[in-house]
Amino acid sequence: MASQDWFGPENLKALVKHTVHCSAAILSFVWLSWLVRWALGPGLLSTIIEDTEKFVLVVVLLMFLVHVGLDLFRELARNVKSGRFVAA
């Protein structure tokens, strides 16, 4: 299967959408972490908030990987089903 079959316009659009959303989430977590450290200072509450942020950030990144993988798998399945599968 040719690379343009893997990375067609639909897949590139989905990949860009997922990447932009995850990048925005990462930036908001960085901003929130800075805000918590600035507003609360060191302590139990800021530690709990930062640990929760880290957990949620890992979940967001895993969701990003799953969605990108599903988009690529869907395109692969569509190409195999339509008979456009070409061994390189």
C-alpha atoms as a PDB file:
ATOM      1  CA  MET A   1       0.000   0.000   0.000  1.00  0.00           C
ATOM      2  CA  ALA A   2       1.378   3.368  -0.960  1.00  0.00           C
ATOM      3  CA  SER A   3       2.075   6.009   1.653  1.00  0.00           C
ATOM      4  CA  GLN A   4      -0.526   8.347   0.141  1.00  0.00           C
ATOM      5  CA  ASP A   5      -3.142   5.674   0.907  1.00  0.00           C
ATOM      6  CA  TRP A   6      -2.127   5.750   4.558  1.00  0.00           C
ATOM      7  CA  PHE A   7      -1.917   9.514   4.777  1.00  0.00           C
ATOM      8  CA  GLY A   8      -4.776  10.700   2.612  1.00  0.00           C
ATOM      9  CA  PRO A   9      -6.554  14.011   3.149  1.00  0.00           C
ATOM     10  CA  GLU A  10      -9.001  12.509   5.660  1.00  0.00           C
ATOM     11  CA  ASN A  11      -6.234  11.000   7.782  1.00  0.00           C
ATOM     12  CA  LEU A  12      -4.105  14.127   7.670  1.00  0.00           C
ATOM     13  CA  LYS A  13      -7.112  16.208   8.679  1.00  0.00           C
ATOM     14  CA  ALA A  14      -7.846  13.865  11.606  1.00  0.00           C
ATOM     15  CA  LEU A  15      -4.173  13.778  12.617  1.00  0.00           C
ATOM     16  CA  VAL A  16      -3.929  17.573  12.608  1.00  0.00           C
ATOM     17  CA  LYS A  17      -7.162  17.850  14.611  1.00  0.00           C
ATOM     18  CA  HIS A  18      -5.964  15.380  17.266  1.00  0.00           C
ATOM     19  CA  THR A  19      -2.522  17.012  17.413  1.00  0.00           C
ATOM     20  CA  VAL A  20      -3.919  20.530  17.826  1.00  0.00           C
ATOM     21  CA  HIS A  21      -6.303  19.425  20.555  1.00  0.00           C
ATOM     22  CA  CYS A  22      -3.616  17.524  22.463  1.00  0.00           C
ATOM     23  CA  SER A  23      -1.171  20.405  22.113  1.00  0.00           C
ATOM     24  CA  ALA A  24      -3.775  22.790  23.503  1.00  0.00           C
ATOM     25  CA  ALA A  25      -4.406  20.399  26.394  1.00  0.00           C
ATOM     26  CA  ILE A  26      -0.688  20.162  27.158  1.00  0.00           C
ATOM     27  CA  LEU A  27      -0.304  23.954  27.116  1.00  0.00           C
ATOM     28  CA  SER A  28      -3.299  24.381  29.399  1.00  0.00           C
ATOM     29  CA  PHE A  29      -1.812  21.844  31.832  1.00  0.00           C
ATOM     30  CA  VAL A  30       1.492  23.724  31.832  1.00  0.00           C
ATOM     31  CA  TRP A  31      -0.344  26.986  32.481  1.00  0.00           C
ATOM     32  CA  LEU A  32      -2.465  25.431  35.237  1.00  0.00           C
ATOM     33  CA  SER A  33       0.611  23.911  36.879  1.00  0.00           C
ATOM     34  CA  TRP A  34       2.346  27.294  36.895  1.00  0.00           C
ATOM     35  CA  LEU A  35      -0.794  28.951  38.254  1.00  0.00           C
ATOM     36  CA  VAL A  36      -1.129  26.398  41.084  1.00  0.00           C
ATOM     37  CA  ARG A  37       2.519  26.770  42.076  1.00  0.00           C
ATOM     38  CA  TRP A  38       2.248  30.560  41.991  1.00  0.00           C
ATOM     39  CA  ALA A  39      -1.091  30.826  43.821  1.00  0.00           C
ATOM     40  CA  LEU A  40      -0.826  28.023  46.377  1.00  0.00           C
ATOM     41  CA  GLY A  41       2.880  27.567  46.850  1.00  0.00           C
ATOM     42  CA  PRO A  42       4.272  24.291  48.160  1.00  0.00           C
ATOM     43  CA  GLY A  43       1.884  22.186  50.176  1.00  0.00           C
ATOM     44  CA  LEU A  44      -0.461  19.235  50.181  1.00  0.00           C
ATOM     45  CA  LEU A  45      -3.172  20.833  48.028  1.00  0.00           C
ATOM     46  CA  SER A  46      -0.754  21.914  45.296  1.00  0.00           C
ATOM     47  CA  THR A  47       0.838  18.440  45.315  1.00  0.00           C
ATOM     48  CA  ILE A  48      -2.577  16.801  44.902  1.00  0.00           C
ATOM     49  CA  ILE A  49      -3.533  19.156  42.071  1.00  0.00           C
ATOM     50  CA  GLU A  50      -0.221  18.650  40.252  1.00  0.00           C
ATOM     51  CA  ASP A  51      -0.396  14.853  40.604  1.00  0.00           C
ATOM     52  CA  THR A  52      -3.945  14.914  39.243  1.00  0.00           C
ATOM     53  CA  GLU A  53      -2.735  17.061  36.341  1.00  0.00           C
ATOM     54  CA  LYS A  54       0.016  14.583  35.533  1.00  0.00           C
ATOM     55  CA  PHE A  55      -2.423  11.670  35.578  1.00  0.00           C
ATOM     56  CA  VAL A  56      -4.902  13.461  33.322  1.00  0.00           C
ATOM     57  CA  LEU A  57      -2.106  14.512  30.964  1.00  0.00           C
ATOM     58  CA  VAL A  58      -0.998  10.890  30.571  1.00  0.00           C
ATOM     59  CA  VAL A  59      -4.609   9.894  29.859  1.00  0.00           C
ATOM     60  CA  VAL A  60      -4.905  12.651  27.229  1.00  0.00           C
ATOM     61  CA  LEU A  61      -1.710  11.491  25.516  1.00  0.00           C
ATOM     62  CA  LEU A  62      -2.883   7.859  25.539  1.00  0.00           C
ATOM     63  CA  MET A  63      -6.207   8.933  24.044  1.00  0.00           C
ATOM     64  CA  PHE A  64      -4.273  10.818  21.347  1.00  0.00           C
ATOM     65  CA  LEU A  65      -2.295   7.706  20.469  1.00  0.00           C
ATOM     66  CA  VAL A  66      -5.420   5.540  20.394  1.00  0.00           C
ATOM     67  CA  HIS A  67      -7.325   7.971  18.163  1.00  0.00           C
ATOM     68  CA  VAL A  68      -4.439   8.342  15.723  1.00  0.00           C
ATOM     69  CA  GLY A  69      -4.011   4.554  15.632  1.00  0.00           C
ATOM     70  CA  LEU A  70      -7.725   4.057  14.993  1.00  0.00           C
ATOM     71  CA  ASP A  71      -7.688   6.607  12.192  1.00  0.00           C
ATOM     72  CA  LEU A  72      -4.756   4.868  10.516  1.00  0.00           C
ATOM     73  CA  PHE A  73      -6.317   1.425  11.040  1.00  0.00           C
ATOM     74  CA  ARG A  74      -9.627   2.627   9.585  1.00  0.00           C
ATOM     75  CA  GLU A  75      -7.820   3.894   6.491  1.00  0.00           C
ATOM     76  CA  LEU A  76      -5.945   0.595   6.173  1.00  0.00           C
ATOM     77  CA  ALA A  77      -9.182  -1.380   6.461  1.00  0.00           C
ATOM     78  CA  ARG A  78     -10.843   0.851   3.858  1.00  0.00           C
ATOM     79  CA  ASN A  79      -7.961   0.370   1.421  1.00  0.00           C
ATOM     80  CA  VAL A  80      -7.865  -3.411   1.877  1.00  0.00           C
ATOM     81  CA  LYS A  81     -11.624  -3.640   1.518  1.00  0.00           C
ATOM     82  CA  SER A  82     -11.574  -1.609  -1.717  1.00  0.00           C
ATOM     83  CA  GLY A  83      -8.752  -3.755  -3.149  1.00  0.00           C
ATOM     84  CA  ARG A  84      -6.201  -0.945  -3.293  1.00  0.00           C
ATOM     85  CA  PHE A  85      -3.715  -2.877  -1.184  1.00  0.00           C
ATOM     86  CA  VAL A  86      -0.383  -2.933  -3.035  1.00  0.00           C
ATOM     87  CA  ALA A  87       2.615  -4.754  -1.622  1.00  0.00           C
ATOM     88  CA  ALA A  88       5.723  -2.610  -1.817  1.00  0.00           C
END
